[in-house]
Protein backbone atom coordinates (compact mmCIF):
# COMPACT_ATOMS: atom_id res chain seq x y z
CA MET A 1 75.77 19.89 65.72
CA THR A 2 72.95 19.99 68.24
CA THR A 3 69.52 21.35 67.41
CA ARG A 4 69.30 22.96 70.83
CA SER A 5 69.92 26.70 71.09
CA VAL A 6 70.80 28.59 74.26
CA TYR A 7 71.24 32.31 73.67
CA LEU A 8 73.49 33.95 76.27
CA ASP A 9 74.58 37.07 74.38
CA TYR A 10 71.91 39.53 75.52
CA ASN A 11 74.48 42.28 76.15
CA ALA A 12 75.26 42.24 72.44
CA THR A 13 71.60 42.51 71.48
CA THR A 14 68.20 41.30 72.61
CA PRO A 15 65.34 39.73 70.66
CA ILE A 16 62.40 42.07 70.19
CA ARG A 17 59.61 41.34 72.65
CA PRO A 18 56.34 40.16 71.06
CA GLU A 19 54.50 43.14 72.56
CA VAL A 20 57.01 45.49 70.92
CA ILE A 21 56.61 43.74 67.56
CA ALA A 22 52.83 44.18 67.87
CA ALA A 23 53.22 47.89 68.60
CA MET A 24 55.61 48.38 65.70
CA THR A 25 53.37 46.45 63.32
CA GLU A 26 50.49 48.73 64.23
CA ASP A 27 52.64 51.75 63.40
CA PHE A 28 53.27 50.56 59.83
CA ALA A 29 49.87 52.05 59.00
CA LEU A 30 51.04 55.46 60.20
CA TYR A 31 52.88 56.51 57.06
CA GLY A 32 52.85 60.24 57.75
CA ASN A 33 56.04 62.21 58.29
CA ALA A 34 56.09 63.28 61.93
CA SER A 35 57.36 66.70 60.83
CA SER A 36 54.33 67.37 58.62
CA MET A 37 51.47 69.58 59.80
CA HIS A 38 48.58 67.61 58.26
CA GLU A 39 46.55 64.93 60.03
CA ALA A 40 48.76 62.00 59.01
CA GLY A 41 51.84 63.88 60.21
CA ARG A 42 50.20 64.85 63.49
CA ALA A 43 49.21 61.23 64.13
CA ALA A 44 52.80 60.11 63.62
CA ALA A 45 54.15 62.95 65.77
CA SER A 46 51.76 62.03 68.57
CA ARG A 47 53.19 58.49 68.63
CA VAL A 48 56.74 59.84 68.68
CA GLU A 49 55.97 62.05 71.67
CA LYS A 50 54.27 59.21 73.53
CA ALA A 51 57.40 57.11 73.01
CA ARG A 52 59.60 60.01 74.15
CA ALA A 53 57.70 60.16 77.43
CA ALA A 54 58.07 56.38 77.94
CA VAL A 55 61.81 56.46 77.30
CA GLY A 56 62.19 59.38 79.69
CA ALA A 57 60.19 57.59 82.38
CA LEU A 58 62.60 54.64 82.31
CA ILE A 59 65.39 56.93 83.56
CA GLY A 60 63.26 59.39 85.56
CA ALA A 61 63.67 62.17 83.00
CA PRO A 62 61.15 64.67 81.55
CA ALA A 63 60.13 63.86 78.00
CA GLU A 64 61.53 67.14 76.66
CA THR A 65 65.07 66.17 77.75
CA ILE A 66 65.12 63.09 75.48
CA VAL A 67 66.72 63.34 72.02
CA PHE A 68 66.19 60.36 69.72
CA THR A 69 69.25 59.11 67.81
CA SER A 70 70.27 56.03 65.83
CA GLY A 71 71.73 54.33 68.90
CA GLY A 72 74.28 54.47 71.70
CA SER A 73 77.27 55.19 69.48
CA GLU A 74 75.64 58.26 67.93
CA SER A 75 74.51 59.52 71.33
CA ASN A 76 77.99 59.18 72.80
CA ASN A 77 79.61 60.79 69.76
CA THR A 78 77.17 63.70 70.04
CA VAL A 79 78.29 64.41 73.61
CA PHE A 80 81.98 64.33 72.74
CA GLN A 81 81.52 66.45 69.62
CA THR A 82 79.64 68.95 71.78
CA MET A 83 82.54 69.07 74.23
CA LEU A 84 85.01 69.65 71.42
CA LEU A 85 83.05 72.71 70.30
CA ALA A 86 82.19 73.92 73.82
CA GLY A 87 85.81 73.81 74.95
CA GLU A 88 87.37 75.27 71.82
CA GLY A 89 89.53 78.23 72.77
CA LYS A 90 88.42 78.04 76.41
CA GLU A 91 90.38 77.49 79.60
CA ARG A 92 87.99 74.71 80.61
CA ASN A 93 88.50 72.11 77.89
CA GLU A 94 89.80 68.86 79.43
CA ILE A 95 88.06 65.48 79.44
CA VAL A 96 88.19 62.71 82.04
CA THR A 97 87.00 59.19 81.18
CA THR A 98 88.06 55.62 81.95
CA ALA A 99 90.14 52.87 80.38
CA ILE A 100 87.18 50.46 80.19
CA GLU A 101 84.66 52.49 78.22
CA HIS A 102 82.83 51.23 75.13
CA PRO A 103 84.89 51.65 71.93
CA CYS A 104 82.66 54.50 70.72
CA VAL A 105 83.59 56.53 73.82
CA LEU A 106 87.27 55.57 73.72
CA ASN A 107 87.53 56.42 70.02
CA SER A 108 85.64 59.69 70.52
CA ALA A 109 88.04 60.59 73.31
CA GLU A 110 91.02 59.75 71.12
CA PHE A 111 89.57 61.96 68.37
CA LEU A 112 89.36 64.89 70.77
CA LYS A 113 92.89 64.13 71.91
CA SER A 114 94.05 64.35 68.28
CA ARG A 115 92.50 67.83 68.17
CA GLY A 116 94.60 68.99 71.11
CA VAL A 117 92.17 68.26 73.94
CA LYS A 118 93.75 66.83 77.08
CA VAL A 119 92.10 63.50 77.89
CA THR A 120 92.72 61.54 81.09
CA PHE A 121 91.89 57.83 81.04
CA LEU A 122 91.28 56.73 84.63
CA PRO A 123 92.48 53.25 85.67
CA VAL A 124 90.27 50.67 87.36
CA ASP A 125 90.95 48.14 90.10
CA PRO A 126 90.93 44.34 89.55
CA ALA A 127 87.13 44.33 89.97
CA GLY A 128 86.74 46.98 87.28
CA LYS A 129 85.84 49.81 89.67
CA VAL A 130 87.00 53.39 89.31
CA HIS A 131 88.48 54.70 92.56
CA LEU A 132 86.99 57.98 93.70
CA ASP A 133 90.44 59.20 94.79
CA ASP A 134 91.57 58.84 91.19
CA VAL A 135 88.60 60.91 90.06
CA ARG A 136 89.45 63.62 92.59
CA ALA A 137 93.06 63.67 91.45
CA ALA A 138 92.09 63.98 87.77
CA VAL A 139 89.32 66.57 88.00
CA ASN A 140 90.21 70.25 88.31
CA GLU A 141 89.10 73.72 87.24
CA ARG A 142 90.00 72.92 83.63
CA THR A 143 87.85 69.79 83.42
CA LEU A 144 84.92 70.22 81.05
CA LEU A 145 83.47 66.71 81.05
CA VAL A 146 83.70 63.54 83.14
CA SER A 147 82.38 60.52 81.21
CA VAL A 148 82.09 57.20 83.05
CA MET A 149 80.12 54.15 81.90
CA TYR A 150 77.39 53.21 84.39
CA ALA A 151 77.70 49.43 83.91
CA ASN A 152 80.39 47.73 81.86
CA ASN A 153 79.25 45.74 78.85
CA GLU A 154 81.91 43.01 79.24
CA ILE A 155 82.25 42.35 82.97
CA GLY A 156 79.08 43.99 84.26
CA THR A 157 80.75 46.09 86.97
CA ILE A 158 78.57 48.99 88.12
CA GLN A 159 80.21 52.34 88.88
CA ASP A 160 79.24 54.80 91.62
CA ILE A 161 78.09 57.46 89.20
CA ALA A 162 76.37 59.55 91.88
CA ALA A 163 79.63 59.91 93.85
CA ILE A 164 81.61 60.62 90.68
CA SER A 165 79.06 63.28 89.70
CA LYS A 166 79.44 65.06 93.04
CA ILE A 167 83.20 65.30 92.55
CA ALA A 168 82.81 66.54 88.98
CA LYS A 169 80.11 69.06 89.86
CA ALA A 170 82.17 70.48 92.71
CA ALA A 171 84.81 71.33 90.11
CA GLY A 172 82.23 72.78 87.69
CA ALA A 173 82.41 69.96 85.12
CA TYR A 174 79.61 68.30 83.18
CA VAL A 175 78.93 64.59 83.67
CA HIS A 176 78.04 61.97 81.06
CA THR A 177 77.30 58.30 81.58
CA ASP A 178 76.89 55.58 78.98
CA ALA A 179 73.94 53.70 80.48
CA VAL A 180 73.28 51.46 77.48
CA GLN A 181 73.84 48.31 79.55
CA ALA A 182 72.27 49.64 82.74
CA ALA A 183 68.91 51.00 81.60
CA GLY A 184 66.22 48.36 81.87
CA LYS A 185 68.37 46.07 84.05
CA ILE A 186 68.86 48.15 87.19
CA PRO A 187 67.07 51.28 88.43
CA VAL A 188 68.30 54.42 86.67
CA SER A 189 67.44 57.98 87.75
CA VAL A 190 69.17 60.93 86.11
CA ASP A 191 68.53 63.10 89.16
CA ALA A 192 69.84 60.53 91.65
CA LEU A 193 72.93 60.04 89.46
CA GLY A 194 73.39 63.78 89.00
CA VAL A 195 74.33 63.45 85.32
CA ASP A 196 73.95 66.00 82.54
CA TYR A 197 73.99 63.45 79.72
CA LEU A 198 72.92 59.80 79.61
CA THR A 199 72.98 57.37 76.71
CA MET A 200 70.48 54.58 75.96
CA SER A 201 69.83 52.09 73.15
CA ALA A 202 66.58 50.32 72.21
CA HIS A 203 68.05 47.01 71.11
CA LYS A 204 69.51 46.35 74.57
CA ILE A 205 66.02 46.41 76.14
CA TYR A 206 64.13 44.13 73.71
CA GLY A 207 63.41 46.89 71.20
CA PRO A 208 64.52 47.39 67.59
CA LYS A 209 68.03 48.11 66.36
CA GLY A 210 68.91 51.46 64.86
CA VAL A 211 67.30 53.71 67.47
CA GLY A 212 68.63 55.15 70.70
CA ALA A 213 68.35 58.21 72.89
CA LEU A 214 70.42 60.86 74.57
CA TYR A 215 69.23 62.52 77.76
CA VAL A 216 70.37 66.16 77.98
CA ARG A 217 69.78 68.03 81.22
CA LYS A 218 68.19 71.44 80.75
CA GLY A 219 70.94 74.05 80.50
CA ALA A 220 73.70 71.64 79.48
CA PRO A 221 75.38 72.50 76.17
CA ILE A 222 74.46 70.33 73.20
CA GLU A 223 75.44 70.54 69.54
CA PRO A 224 73.93 68.40 66.76
CA LEU A 225 76.12 65.71 65.29
CA ILE A 226 73.82 65.58 62.25
CA ARG A 227 72.79 68.98 60.94
CA GLY A 228 69.92 69.74 58.62
CA GLY A 229 66.24 70.12 59.42
CA HIS A 230 64.40 71.14 62.56
CA GLN A 231 63.76 67.64 63.90
CA GLU A 232 64.42 67.11 67.63
CA HIS A 233 64.38 70.90 68.09
CA GLY A 234 67.31 71.15 65.69
CA LEU A 235 69.47 68.74 67.68
CA ARG A 236 69.27 65.73 65.36
CA ALA A 237 68.28 66.25 61.72
CA GLY A 238 66.61 63.59 59.60
CA THR A 239 63.14 62.19 59.02
CA TYR A 240 61.78 60.56 62.15
CA ASN A 241 62.16 56.79 62.36
CA ASN A 242 58.54 56.42 63.46
CA ILE A 243 58.51 52.62 63.68
CA GLY A 244 61.83 52.37 65.51
CA ILE A 245 60.96 55.15 67.95
CA LEU A 246 57.56 53.62 68.71
CA GLY A 247 59.27 50.26 69.30
CA PHE A 248 61.74 51.94 71.66
CA GLY A 249 58.90 53.54 73.59
CA ALA A 250 57.03 50.25 73.93
CA ALA A 251 60.21 48.44 75.04
CA ALA A 252 60.99 51.17 77.60
CA GLU A 253 57.48 51.00 79.04
CA LEU A 254 57.72 47.22 79.44
CA ALA A 255 61.25 47.41 80.86
CA LEU A 256 60.15 49.84 83.56
CA ARG A 257 57.13 47.71 84.43
CA ASP A 258 59.16 44.50 84.71
CA LEU A 259 62.38 45.93 86.15
CA SER A 260 62.24 44.28 89.58
CA SER A 261 61.19 40.83 88.38
CA PHE A 262 63.74 40.88 85.56
CA ALA A 263 66.60 41.78 87.89
CA ALA A 264 65.62 39.16 90.48
CA GLU A 265 65.29 36.30 88.00
CA THR A 266 68.42 37.02 85.96
CA LYS A 267 70.42 37.44 89.18
CA ARG A 268 69.19 34.06 90.41
CA LEU A 269 70.20 32.36 87.16
CA ARG A 270 73.53 34.21 87.02
CA ILE A 271 74.42 32.97 90.51
CA MET A 272 73.40 29.46 89.51
CA LEU A 273 75.67 29.65 86.46
CA ARG A 274 78.58 31.17 88.40
CA ASP A 275 78.43 28.66 91.23
CA GLY A 276 78.01 25.77 88.82
CA LEU A 277 81.06 26.75 86.78
CA LEU A 278 83.18 27.19 89.89
CA GLU A 279 82.08 23.79 91.14
CA ARG A 280 82.40 21.82 87.89
CA VAL A 281 85.31 23.42 86.02
CA PRO A 282 88.73 23.51 87.70
CA ASN A 283 90.67 26.76 87.79
CA VAL A 284 87.99 29.20 86.69
CA GLN A 285 88.35 32.93 87.33
CA ILE A 286 85.25 35.13 87.58
CA ASN A 287 85.92 38.66 86.35
CA GLY A 288 84.25 41.85 87.51
CA HIS A 289 82.94 43.01 90.86
CA PRO A 290 81.49 40.20 93.02
CA LEU A 291 78.55 42.30 94.24
CA GLU A 292 78.28 45.58 92.33
CA VAL A 293 77.56 43.92 89.01
CA LEU A 294 74.71 43.72 86.51
CA PRO A 295 72.29 40.95 87.48
CA ASN A 296 72.55 39.33 84.05
CA THR A 297 76.30 39.45 83.29
CA LEU A 298 78.95 36.86 84.07
CA ASN A 299 82.48 37.04 82.67
CA ALA A 300 84.65 33.96 83.25
CA SER A 301 88.25 33.14 82.32
CA PHE A 302 89.24 29.56 81.54
CA PRO A 303 93.06 29.35 81.73
CA GLY A 304 94.56 26.95 79.22
CA ALA A 305 91.67 27.31 76.74
CA GLU A 306 91.51 29.94 74.00
CA GLY A 307 88.40 32.08 73.74
CA GLU A 308 87.74 31.68 70.03
CA ALA A 309 88.07 27.89 70.31
CA ILE A 310 85.69 27.92 73.28
CA LEU A 311 83.11 29.92 71.31
CA LEU A 312 83.34 27.62 68.29
CA SER A 313 82.88 24.59 70.53
CA PHE A 314 79.97 26.30 72.27
CA ASP A 315 78.37 27.10 68.94
CA ILE A 316 78.52 23.46 67.83
CA MET A 317 76.60 22.60 70.99
CA GLY A 318 74.09 25.41 70.48
CA ILE A 319 75.42 27.80 73.13
CA GLU A 320 75.71 31.39 71.93
CA ALA A 321 77.93 33.64 74.04
CA SER A 322 80.82 36.02 73.31
CA THR A 323 84.42 36.79 74.18
CA GLY A 324 83.58 40.38 75.11
CA SER A 325 82.07 43.37 73.37
CA ALA A 326 80.24 42.56 70.14
CA CYS A 327 81.57 45.84 68.75
CA ALA A 328 85.14 44.54 69.12
CA SER A 329 84.52 40.92 68.12
CA GLY A 330 86.39 41.33 64.83
CA SER A 331 89.61 42.11 66.69
CA LEU A 332 92.16 39.49 67.70
CA ASP A 333 93.45 41.75 70.48
CA PRO A 334 92.65 40.75 74.07
CA SER A 335 89.79 42.60 75.76
CA HIS A 336 90.86 46.14 76.70
CA VAL A 337 88.48 45.91 79.66
CA LEU A 338 90.07 42.79 81.12
CA MET A 339 93.57 44.08 80.42
CA ALA A 340 92.69 47.26 82.33
CA THR A 341 91.67 45.17 85.34
CA GLY A 342 95.07 43.50 85.37
CA VAL A 343 94.07 40.22 83.74
CA GLY A 344 96.99 39.08 81.59
CA PRO A 345 96.71 38.46 77.83
CA GLU A 346 96.46 34.67 78.20
CA LEU A 347 93.54 34.87 80.64
CA ALA A 348 91.92 37.67 78.65
CA HIS A 349 92.06 35.55 75.49
CA GLY A 350 90.42 32.68 77.40
CA SER A 351 87.51 34.72 78.74
CA ILE A 352 83.84 34.29 77.91
CA ARG A 353 80.98 36.68 78.56
CA PHE A 354 77.71 35.01 79.42
CA SER A 355 74.91 37.58 79.36
CA LEU A 356 71.49 36.32 80.39
CA GLY A 357 68.13 37.77 79.49
CA ARG A 358 64.38 37.71 79.69
CA PHE A 359 64.04 34.42 77.86
CA THR A 360 66.82 32.55 79.69
CA THR A 361 65.51 29.56 81.64
CA GLU A 362 66.83 27.39 84.44
CA GLU A 363 66.87 24.51 81.94
CA ASP A 364 69.19 26.58 79.74
CA ILE A 365 71.62 27.09 82.61
CA ARG A 366 71.58 23.40 83.50
CA TYR A 367 72.35 22.54 79.87
CA VAL A 368 75.28 25.00 79.87
CA LEU A 369 76.63 23.55 83.12
CA ASP A 370 76.47 20.04 81.68
CA THR A 371 78.06 21.06 78.38
CA VAL A 372 80.84 23.47 79.32
CA PRO A 373 83.06 21.27 81.56
CA PRO A 374 83.88 18.62 78.91
CA ILE A 375 84.51 21.34 76.32
CA ILE A 376 87.01 23.14 78.56
CA ALA A 377 88.69 19.83 79.52
CA ARG A 378 89.09 18.86 75.86
CA LEU A 379 90.51 22.26 74.83
CA ARG A 380 92.90 22.34 77.76
CA ALA A 381 94.16 18.88 76.84
CA MET A 382 94.89 20.13 73.31
CA SER A 383 96.40 23.46 74.35
CA THR A 384 100.13 24.19 74.31
CA VAL A 385 99.53 26.88 76.95
CA LYS A 386 99.93 25.50 80.46
C-alpha cells in the first residue's frame, strides 16, 4: 500500500479549513447558552447572528430568512413535512420532484406518498437534465411544491432552477431546491432562482459536520420538524450548536470570498482529469452534462470493471473516491441517478465519482492519471463481464 494520499471525495465531505478551525476554537470559550439573557448568553447569541448573516450572504438572502438545522437532510425533511401539513385536506396538495434527488428528498417524497399525497417523479435526459416541458406537463393548479436539486451530488449536472421556478410560480406552487452541492461552488442567489426554500450544509463547504441551514422566503409556510423551545423563532427547537454554527458562518464567508478562484481552479483540474482519462483509458464514458456541470465533479464509467473493485484498488494506491452518493454507499444497488439517465446496471456498477476540492493539486491529478489506467486494465482482464 502506498503512503501517498489523494482525496477526491469532496462531494461526500470536505476537510475543515484552518481558518474555520481557528474560529471554532475561539468559540470554545463562549460557553453561554445563546438563548440566555445574561452577558454570556448574549455573547453567544451575537456570534450566532453574525454567522446567520454570513450564511445568508452566500446565497443572497437576508439573515432573518436563515434557519439553522443539523444539516441538509433535516432541512429537506422540514420542507416536506411542512408540505404534508400545509396540504392536508386542501385541494392543492400535490408534489413534483425528480428521479435523481438525494435520498433524503426521495424518501421524504415517498413518505408523503404513503400518506396519500400524489407525488410525481420527473424523468431526466441522458445528461441528467430535467426537461422544462416535463415540468409544464406535471405542474397544475393542484401542485403545492416543486422540489428540484440545483446540482446533482453524483454526476454534477446543474438544473435550470430559475426557469423551473417560473413555471411553478405561474401555477401558484412553492419551489424548493436542494443546493447542498451548489452553494460555495457556483454562484447562488435565492432571488435570481426564484425559490421559496433552499437547503445548505456546512460540511460541504469546508465547515463542520452536524450543522446546516434552510432558507425560507418570507411568507412561505414553514412548520418545525423538531418542536420544543423558542429557538430559531420556534422553527427549530434545541440548544444552539454555537461552535458548529460559528464554523458554518466562517466557512460561508470564506466560500463567498473565494468563489470565483475556487470554481476556476477546480474546473481546470476537472478538465485535465477528464481529458486524461479519455486519452489513457480505452472505452470510458463520462456521465452528466458536458457543460452545465459543477466545476469540481466528474463521474466516469469504466465498462468491464466493477465499481467496488475499482475503489478497493484505488484505496490501495492512496486514491480516495466513491461510486456515487456517500449516503447510499452501503447499498449494492446501482446508482439511482445513473439508472435514471439511462445508463444500464453494468455501466452504473462500474462508475466512479471523482469530486475535486480546494486542496486538490495538479500533481494529484497527474498521479491519478498515471495510476488509474493499469488498474482498469487489470480489472478488465480479470472480469467475466465483456
